[in-house]
Amino acid sequence: MKEGLSMSYFIRILAASLILALLIGCSDKVKPSIVETEPWLRTYLIGEKAKSCGGTVNVDHLTLVRIGEYEDKYGGWPVYATFAVTCVEGSSFSTWTNEDTSSTAWASIVRQKMSGGYECFVPELFRQRENQLSREMDRLPTDMTPKTK
């Protein structure tokens, strides 16, 4: 009887410990460090520039300034960084830069992946607004020279 009781007690303690460990592990959002985030942001920036580049993409400059507090609406932490990413196509090139590190201009969001590790992304809502703004800018007149009579 004593052996059956101690085995039952051991199983209960083990089950309670596993449940507690699972709850603590899943409920705590661990903010990634700058060192952990840098390769994910680099990968994200290269991927984004490659979408509009038929040549080689290089990250010329990348400095992570800080990682903000967790934002439920984004599902991750805003990453504030300065960067310069260049697309080289033959003898021409184009550069995408960000030198703004204000509290409102984040470069991306970093979030934990279900499989472990982190990834950087831009929420779809911001991507849609950026695309709309780009289309509106394309419609603006390019010749701003005043006409004289």
N, C-alpha and C. Protein backbone atom coordinates (compact mmCIF):
# COMPACT_ATOMS: atom_id res chain seq x y z
N MET A 1 0.82 -1.19 0.00
CA MET A 1 0.00 0.00 0.00
C MET A 1 0.87 1.25 0.00
N LYS A 2 1.92 1.26 0.80
CA LYS A 2 2.79 2.43 0.89
C LYS A 2 3.51 2.67 -0.44
N GLU A 3 3.89 1.58 -1.15
CA GLU A 3 4.58 1.71 -2.42
C GLU A 3 3.64 2.31 -3.48
N GLY A 4 2.39 1.90 -3.52
CA GLY A 4 1.39 2.43 -4.46
C GLY A 4 1.11 3.90 -4.18
N LEU A 5 1.06 4.25 -2.91
CA LEU A 5 0.81 5.64 -2.53
C LEU A 5 1.96 6.54 -2.93
N SER A 6 3.20 6.11 -2.73
CA SER A 6 4.35 6.94 -3.08
C SER A 6 4.48 7.07 -4.60
N MET A 7 4.12 6.03 -5.37
CA MET A 7 4.17 6.12 -6.82
C MET A 7 3.11 7.10 -7.32
N SER A 8 1.92 7.05 -6.76
CA SER A 8 0.85 7.98 -7.12
C SER A 8 1.26 9.42 -6.78
N TYR A 9 1.85 9.60 -5.61
CA TYR A 9 2.32 10.92 -5.18
C TYR A 9 3.39 11.44 -6.15
N PHE A 10 4.33 10.59 -6.55
CA PHE A 10 5.40 10.96 -7.47
C PHE A 10 4.82 11.39 -8.82
N ILE A 11 3.83 10.67 -9.33
CA ILE A 11 3.22 10.99 -10.63
C ILE A 11 2.50 12.34 -10.54
N ARG A 12 1.81 12.59 -9.45
CA ARG A 12 1.12 13.87 -9.27
C ARG A 12 2.11 15.04 -9.23
N ILE A 13 3.19 14.86 -8.49
CA ILE A 13 4.22 15.90 -8.39
C ILE A 13 4.85 16.14 -9.76
N LEU A 14 5.13 15.09 -10.49
CA LEU A 14 5.73 15.21 -11.82
C LEU A 14 4.77 15.93 -12.78
N ALA A 15 3.50 15.55 -12.75
CA ALA A 15 2.50 16.19 -13.62
C ALA A 15 2.36 17.66 -13.28
N ALA A 16 2.28 17.98 -12.00
CA ALA A 16 2.16 19.38 -11.58
C ALA A 16 3.38 20.18 -11.99
N SER A 17 4.55 19.60 -11.87
CA SER A 17 5.79 20.28 -12.26
C SER A 17 5.82 20.57 -13.76
N LEU A 18 5.40 19.60 -14.55
CA LEU A 18 5.37 19.78 -16.01
C LEU A 18 4.37 20.86 -16.42
N ILE A 19 3.21 20.85 -15.81
CA ILE A 19 2.20 21.86 -16.12
C ILE A 19 2.70 23.25 -15.73
N LEU A 20 3.29 23.36 -14.57
CA LEU A 20 3.84 24.64 -14.11
C LEU A 20 4.93 25.13 -15.05
N ALA A 21 5.83 24.25 -15.44
CA ALA A 21 6.91 24.63 -16.37
C ALA A 21 6.35 25.07 -17.71
N LEU A 22 5.33 24.39 -18.19
CA LEU A 22 4.70 24.75 -19.46
C LEU A 22 4.03 26.12 -19.36
N LEU A 23 3.30 26.36 -18.28
CA LEU A 23 2.63 27.65 -18.11
C LEU A 23 3.63 28.80 -18.02
N ILE A 24 4.69 28.61 -17.28
CA ILE A 24 5.70 29.66 -17.14
C ILE A 24 6.41 29.88 -18.48
N GLY A 25 6.73 28.82 -19.16
CA GLY A 25 7.44 28.93 -20.44
C GLY A 25 6.60 29.57 -21.51
N CYS A 26 5.31 29.30 -21.55
CA CYS A 26 4.44 29.82 -22.62
C CYS A 26 3.92 31.22 -22.32
N SER A 27 3.79 31.58 -21.07
CA SER A 27 3.19 32.87 -20.75
C SER A 27 4.20 34.01 -20.72
N ASP A 28 5.45 33.71 -20.60
CA ASP A 28 6.46 34.74 -20.48
C ASP A 28 7.06 35.05 -21.85
N LYS A 29 6.91 36.29 -22.27
CA LYS A 29 7.47 36.72 -23.54
C LYS A 29 8.87 37.24 -23.26
N VAL A 30 9.85 36.55 -23.77
CA VAL A 30 11.24 36.90 -23.51
C VAL A 30 11.72 37.83 -24.61
N LYS A 31 12.04 39.05 -24.23
CA LYS A 31 12.52 40.05 -25.18
C LYS A 31 13.88 39.64 -25.71
N PRO A 32 14.03 39.58 -27.04
CA PRO A 32 15.33 39.19 -27.59
C PRO A 32 16.36 40.30 -27.40
N SER A 33 17.60 39.92 -27.34
CA SER A 33 18.68 40.91 -27.22
C SER A 33 19.00 41.48 -28.60
N ILE A 34 19.76 42.55 -28.63
CA ILE A 34 20.21 43.13 -29.89
C ILE A 34 21.06 42.13 -30.66
N VAL A 35 21.90 41.40 -29.95
CA VAL A 35 22.76 40.40 -30.59
C VAL A 35 21.92 39.30 -31.25
N GLU A 36 20.85 38.85 -30.59
CA GLU A 36 19.98 37.83 -31.16
C GLU A 36 19.20 38.37 -32.36
N THR A 37 18.81 39.63 -32.32
CA THR A 37 17.96 40.22 -33.34
C THR A 37 18.70 40.61 -34.61
N GLU A 38 19.97 40.99 -34.50
CA GLU A 38 20.72 41.51 -35.64
C GLU A 38 20.71 40.58 -36.86
N PRO A 39 20.98 39.27 -36.74
CA PRO A 39 20.96 38.43 -37.95
C PRO A 39 19.56 38.32 -38.57
N TRP A 40 18.53 38.34 -37.75
CA TRP A 40 17.16 38.25 -38.27
C TRP A 40 16.79 39.52 -39.01
N LEU A 41 17.20 40.68 -38.48
CA LEU A 41 16.92 41.94 -39.17
C LEU A 41 17.71 42.02 -40.47
N ARG A 42 18.95 41.60 -40.45
CA ARG A 42 19.78 41.58 -41.67
C ARG A 42 19.10 40.72 -42.75
N THR A 43 18.64 39.54 -42.38
CA THR A 43 17.96 38.64 -43.32
C THR A 43 16.70 39.29 -43.87
N TYR A 44 15.93 39.93 -42.99
CA TYR A 44 14.69 40.61 -43.41
C TYR A 44 15.00 41.73 -44.41
N LEU A 45 15.97 42.57 -44.10
CA LEU A 45 16.31 43.70 -44.98
C LEU A 45 16.77 43.22 -46.35
N ILE A 46 17.60 42.20 -46.39
CA ILE A 46 18.07 41.65 -47.67
C ILE A 46 16.89 41.10 -48.47
N GLY A 47 16.01 40.38 -47.81
CA GLY A 47 14.83 39.82 -48.48
C GLY A 47 13.91 40.87 -49.04
N GLU A 48 13.69 41.94 -48.28
CA GLU A 48 12.82 43.02 -48.75
C GLU A 48 13.42 43.73 -49.95
N LYS A 49 14.70 44.04 -49.90
CA LYS A 49 15.35 44.74 -51.03
C LYS A 49 15.42 43.84 -52.25
N ALA A 50 15.61 42.55 -52.03
CA ALA A 50 15.71 41.59 -53.15
C ALA A 50 14.42 41.51 -53.95
N LYS A 51 13.28 41.85 -53.33
CA LYS A 51 12.00 41.81 -54.05
C LYS A 51 11.99 42.78 -55.23
N SER A 52 12.76 43.87 -55.14
CA SER A 52 12.79 44.86 -56.21
C SER A 52 14.16 44.96 -56.85
N CYS A 53 15.01 43.96 -56.66
CA CYS A 53 16.38 44.01 -57.16
C CYS A 53 16.66 42.78 -58.02
N GLY A 54 17.14 43.03 -59.22
CA GLY A 54 17.50 41.93 -60.10
C GLY A 54 18.97 41.56 -60.00
N GLY A 55 19.69 42.22 -59.11
CA GLY A 55 21.12 41.98 -58.97
C GLY A 55 21.48 41.49 -57.59
N THR A 56 22.57 42.03 -57.07
CA THR A 56 23.10 41.64 -55.77
C THR A 56 22.66 42.63 -54.70
N VAL A 57 22.27 42.12 -53.54
CA VAL A 57 21.86 42.96 -52.41
C VAL A 57 22.92 42.89 -51.33
N ASN A 58 23.35 44.05 -50.85
CA ASN A 58 24.35 44.14 -49.78
C ASN A 58 23.83 45.01 -48.65
N VAL A 59 24.09 44.60 -47.42
CA VAL A 59 23.82 45.46 -46.27
C VAL A 59 25.10 46.23 -46.01
N ASP A 60 25.08 47.53 -46.34
CA ASP A 60 26.27 48.37 -46.19
C ASP A 60 26.46 48.85 -44.75
N HIS A 61 25.34 49.03 -44.07
CA HIS A 61 25.38 49.57 -42.71
C HIS A 61 24.16 49.06 -41.95
N LEU A 62 24.36 48.56 -40.75
CA LEU A 62 23.25 48.12 -39.90
C LEU A 62 23.65 48.31 -38.44
N THR A 63 22.93 49.18 -37.77
CA THR A 63 23.15 49.41 -36.34
C THR A 63 21.81 49.34 -35.63
N LEU A 64 21.65 48.34 -34.78
CA LEU A 64 20.45 48.26 -33.97
C LEU A 64 20.59 49.21 -32.80
N VAL A 65 19.67 50.13 -32.69
CA VAL A 65 19.72 51.15 -31.65
C VAL A 65 19.08 50.63 -30.37
N ARG A 66 17.90 50.02 -30.52
CA ARG A 66 17.22 49.47 -29.35
C ARG A 66 16.06 48.60 -29.79
N ILE A 67 15.57 47.81 -28.85
CA ILE A 67 14.39 47.00 -29.06
C ILE A 67 13.35 47.51 -28.08
N GLY A 68 12.19 47.90 -28.60
CA GLY A 68 11.14 48.46 -27.77
C GLY A 68 10.43 47.42 -26.93
N GLU A 69 9.42 47.87 -26.21
CA GLU A 69 8.63 46.97 -25.37
C GLU A 69 7.64 46.19 -26.23
N TYR A 70 7.26 45.01 -25.75
CA TYR A 70 6.35 44.14 -26.48
C TYR A 70 5.05 44.87 -26.81
N GLU A 71 4.60 44.73 -28.06
CA GLU A 71 3.35 45.35 -28.52
C GLU A 71 2.38 44.24 -28.92
N ASP A 72 1.28 44.10 -28.17
CA ASP A 72 0.29 43.07 -28.48
C ASP A 72 -0.27 43.24 -29.89
N LYS A 73 -0.48 44.50 -30.31
CA LYS A 73 -1.10 44.73 -31.62
C LYS A 73 -0.21 44.26 -32.77
N TYR A 74 1.10 44.15 -32.54
CA TYR A 74 2.02 43.66 -33.57
C TYR A 74 2.45 42.22 -33.31
N GLY A 75 2.28 41.76 -32.10
CA GLY A 75 2.71 40.41 -31.76
C GLY A 75 4.22 40.28 -31.62
N GLY A 76 4.87 41.38 -31.27
CA GLY A 76 6.33 41.34 -31.12
C GLY A 76 6.87 42.66 -30.60
N TRP A 77 8.17 42.80 -30.71
CA TRP A 77 8.88 43.97 -30.21
C TRP A 77 9.35 44.84 -31.38
N PRO A 78 9.07 46.15 -31.36
CA PRO A 78 9.59 47.02 -32.43
C PRO A 78 11.11 47.13 -32.34
N VAL A 79 11.76 47.09 -33.50
CA VAL A 79 13.21 47.17 -33.59
C VAL A 79 13.57 48.53 -34.21
N TYR A 80 14.36 49.29 -33.49
CA TYR A 80 14.80 50.60 -33.97
C TYR A 80 16.24 50.46 -34.43
N ALA A 81 16.47 50.77 -35.70
CA ALA A 81 17.79 50.56 -36.28
C ALA A 81 18.05 51.56 -37.39
N THR A 82 19.32 51.83 -37.61
CA THR A 82 19.73 52.57 -38.80
C THR A 82 20.33 51.56 -39.75
N PHE A 83 20.11 51.77 -41.04
CA PHE A 83 20.64 50.82 -42.02
C PHE A 83 20.76 51.45 -43.39
N ALA A 84 21.56 50.82 -44.21
CA ALA A 84 21.67 51.13 -45.64
C ALA A 84 21.82 49.80 -46.36
N VAL A 85 20.88 49.53 -47.26
CA VAL A 85 20.88 48.30 -48.03
C VAL A 85 20.93 48.68 -49.50
N THR A 86 21.89 48.13 -50.23
CA THR A 86 22.11 48.51 -51.62
C THR A 86 21.84 47.35 -52.57
N CYS A 87 21.19 47.68 -53.68
CA CYS A 87 20.98 46.75 -54.78
C CYS A 87 21.94 47.16 -55.90
N VAL A 88 22.77 46.25 -56.34
CA VAL A 88 23.71 46.52 -57.44
C VAL A 88 23.27 45.68 -58.64
N GLU A 89 22.92 46.37 -59.72
CA GLU A 89 22.52 45.72 -60.97
C GLU A 89 23.43 46.24 -62.07
N GLY A 90 24.42 45.46 -62.43
CA GLY A 90 25.38 45.90 -63.44
C GLY A 90 26.16 47.10 -62.94
N SER A 91 26.05 48.22 -63.68
CA SER A 91 26.77 49.43 -63.28
C SER A 91 25.87 50.40 -62.51
N SER A 92 24.61 50.04 -62.28
CA SER A 92 23.72 50.94 -61.53
C SER A 92 23.42 50.35 -60.15
N PHE A 93 22.99 51.22 -59.26
CA PHE A 93 22.65 50.77 -57.92
C PHE A 93 21.56 51.65 -57.33
N SER A 94 20.85 51.11 -56.36
CA SER A 94 19.87 51.87 -55.59
C SER A 94 20.04 51.49 -54.13
N THR A 95 19.83 52.46 -53.25
CA THR A 95 20.04 52.23 -51.82
C THR A 95 18.78 52.56 -51.04
N TRP A 96 18.46 51.69 -50.11
CA TRP A 96 17.34 51.86 -49.19
C TRP A 96 17.97 52.17 -47.84
N THR A 97 17.63 53.32 -47.26
CA THR A 97 18.25 53.71 -45.99
C THR A 97 17.20 54.10 -44.95
N ASN A 98 17.63 54.04 -43.72
CA ASN A 98 16.85 54.56 -42.60
C ASN A 98 17.84 55.10 -41.59
N GLU A 99 17.75 56.39 -41.32
CA GLU A 99 18.59 57.01 -40.30
C GLU A 99 17.76 57.56 -39.15
N ASP A 100 16.44 57.31 -39.21
CA ASP A 100 15.51 57.82 -38.21
C ASP A 100 15.36 56.80 -37.08
N THR A 101 15.74 57.17 -35.88
CA THR A 101 15.60 56.27 -34.73
C THR A 101 14.64 56.84 -33.70
N SER A 102 13.70 57.68 -34.16
CA SER A 102 12.73 58.26 -33.24
C SER A 102 11.84 57.15 -32.67
N SER A 103 11.07 57.49 -31.69
CA SER A 103 10.24 56.49 -31.02
C SER A 103 9.09 56.01 -31.89
N THR A 104 8.84 56.64 -33.02
CA THR A 104 7.73 56.22 -33.88
C THR A 104 8.19 55.52 -35.15
N ALA A 105 9.46 55.56 -35.47
CA ALA A 105 9.94 55.01 -36.74
C ALA A 105 10.75 53.73 -36.52
N TRP A 106 10.06 52.62 -36.35
CA TRP A 106 10.77 51.36 -36.18
C TRP A 106 11.08 50.76 -37.54
N ALA A 107 12.13 49.95 -37.59
CA ALA A 107 12.55 49.32 -38.84
C ALA A 107 11.77 48.04 -39.12
N SER A 108 11.46 47.29 -38.09
CA SER A 108 10.67 46.06 -38.23
C SER A 108 10.17 45.65 -36.86
N ILE A 109 9.47 44.54 -36.84
CA ILE A 109 9.01 43.92 -35.59
C ILE A 109 9.74 42.58 -35.49
N VAL A 110 10.21 42.25 -34.29
CA VAL A 110 10.82 40.93 -34.08
C VAL A 110 9.85 40.14 -33.20
N ARG A 111 9.63 38.89 -33.58
CA ARG A 111 8.72 38.03 -32.81
C ARG A 111 9.32 36.65 -32.67
N GLN A 112 8.85 35.94 -31.64
CA GLN A 112 9.29 34.57 -31.44
C GLN A 112 8.55 33.67 -32.42
N LYS A 113 9.28 32.72 -33.01
CA LYS A 113 8.67 31.74 -33.89
C LYS A 113 8.21 30.56 -33.04
N MET A 114 7.19 29.88 -33.50
CA MET A 114 6.68 28.70 -32.78
C MET A 114 7.75 27.62 -32.69
N SER A 115 8.61 27.55 -33.69
CA SER A 115 9.64 26.50 -33.73
C SER A 115 10.90 26.90 -32.96
N GLY A 116 10.87 28.07 -32.33
CA GLY A 116 12.03 28.56 -31.60
C GLY A 116 12.75 29.63 -32.40
N GLY A 117 13.54 30.41 -31.73
CA GLY A 117 14.24 31.50 -32.40
C GLY A 117 13.32 32.68 -32.65
N TYR A 118 13.78 33.60 -33.47
CA TYR A 118 13.04 34.83 -33.75
C TYR A 118 13.01 35.08 -35.25
N GLU A 119 12.13 36.01 -35.66
CA GLU A 119 12.09 36.47 -37.03
C GLU A 119 11.67 37.93 -37.05
N CYS A 120 12.11 38.66 -38.06
CA CYS A 120 11.71 40.05 -38.25
C CYS A 120 10.70 40.12 -39.38
N PHE A 121 9.74 41.04 -39.24
CA PHE A 121 8.71 41.22 -40.25
C PHE A 121 8.11 42.61 -40.10
N VAL A 122 7.30 42.99 -41.08
CA VAL A 122 6.50 44.22 -40.99
C VAL A 122 5.05 43.78 -41.06
N PRO A 123 4.21 44.21 -40.11
CA PRO A 123 2.80 43.80 -40.13
C PRO A 123 2.15 44.18 -41.46
N GLU A 124 1.24 43.35 -41.91
CA GLU A 124 0.58 43.53 -43.22
C GLU A 124 -0.11 44.90 -43.32
N LEU A 125 -0.68 45.39 -42.23
CA LEU A 125 -1.35 46.70 -42.25
C LEU A 125 -0.37 47.80 -42.67
N PHE A 126 0.84 47.78 -42.15
CA PHE A 126 1.84 48.78 -42.51
C PHE A 126 2.29 48.59 -43.95
N ARG A 127 2.42 47.36 -44.38
CA ARG A 127 2.84 47.08 -45.77
C ARG A 127 1.80 47.63 -46.75
N GLN A 128 0.51 47.46 -46.44
CA GLN A 128 -0.55 47.99 -47.31
C GLN A 128 -0.51 49.50 -47.37
N ARG A 129 -0.31 50.15 -46.22
CA ARG A 129 -0.23 51.63 -46.20
C ARG A 129 0.99 52.12 -46.98
N GLU A 130 2.11 51.41 -46.84
CA GLU A 130 3.32 51.78 -47.56
C GLU A 130 3.12 51.66 -49.06
N ASN A 131 2.47 50.59 -49.51
CA ASN A 131 2.20 50.40 -50.94
C ASN A 131 1.26 51.48 -51.47
N GLN A 132 0.25 51.84 -50.69
CA GLN A 132 -0.69 52.89 -51.10
C GLN A 132 0.03 54.23 -51.21
N LEU A 133 0.87 54.55 -50.24
CA LEU A 133 1.64 55.80 -50.28
C LEU A 133 2.57 55.83 -51.48
N SER A 134 3.20 54.71 -51.77
CA SER A 134 4.10 54.63 -52.92
C SER A 134 3.35 54.88 -54.22
N ARG A 135 2.15 54.30 -54.37
CA ARG A 135 1.34 54.53 -55.58
C ARG A 135 0.94 55.99 -55.70
N GLU A 136 0.58 56.62 -54.57
CA GLU A 136 0.20 58.03 -54.59
C GLU A 136 1.39 58.92 -54.95
N MET A 137 2.57 58.57 -54.46
CA MET A 137 3.77 59.34 -54.79
C MET A 137 4.10 59.22 -56.28
N ASP A 138 3.86 58.04 -56.85
CA ASP A 138 4.11 57.84 -58.28
C ASP A 138 3.20 58.70 -59.14
N ARG A 139 2.02 59.03 -58.64
CA ARG A 139 1.07 59.84 -59.40
C ARG A 139 1.36 61.33 -59.34
N LEU A 140 2.22 61.75 -58.42
CA LEU A 140 2.54 63.18 -58.32
C LEU A 140 3.32 63.63 -59.54
N PRO A 141 3.13 64.88 -59.94
CA PRO A 141 3.89 65.38 -61.08
C PRO A 141 5.38 65.42 -60.75
N THR A 142 6.18 65.06 -61.74
CA THR A 142 7.63 65.06 -61.53
C THR A 142 8.27 66.38 -61.90
N ASP A 143 7.62 67.14 -62.78
CA ASP A 143 8.17 68.43 -63.19
C ASP A 143 7.57 69.52 -62.33
N MET A 144 8.32 70.00 -61.39
CA MET A 144 7.81 71.03 -60.47
C MET A 144 8.34 72.42 -60.82
N THR A 145 8.79 72.61 -62.07
CA THR A 145 9.32 73.91 -62.50
C THR A 145 8.15 74.86 -62.73
N PRO A 146 8.20 76.05 -62.12
CA PRO A 146 7.10 76.99 -62.33
C PRO A 146 7.08 77.48 -63.79
N LYS A 147 5.90 77.63 -64.32
CA LYS A 147 5.74 78.10 -65.70
C LYS A 147 5.65 79.61 -65.70
N THR A 148 6.36 80.24 -66.62
CA THR A 148 6.32 81.70 -66.73
C THR A 148 5.61 82.07 -68.01
N LYS A 149 4.94 83.22 -67.99
CA LYS A 149 4.19 83.66 -69.17
C LYS A 149 4.96 84.68 -69.96
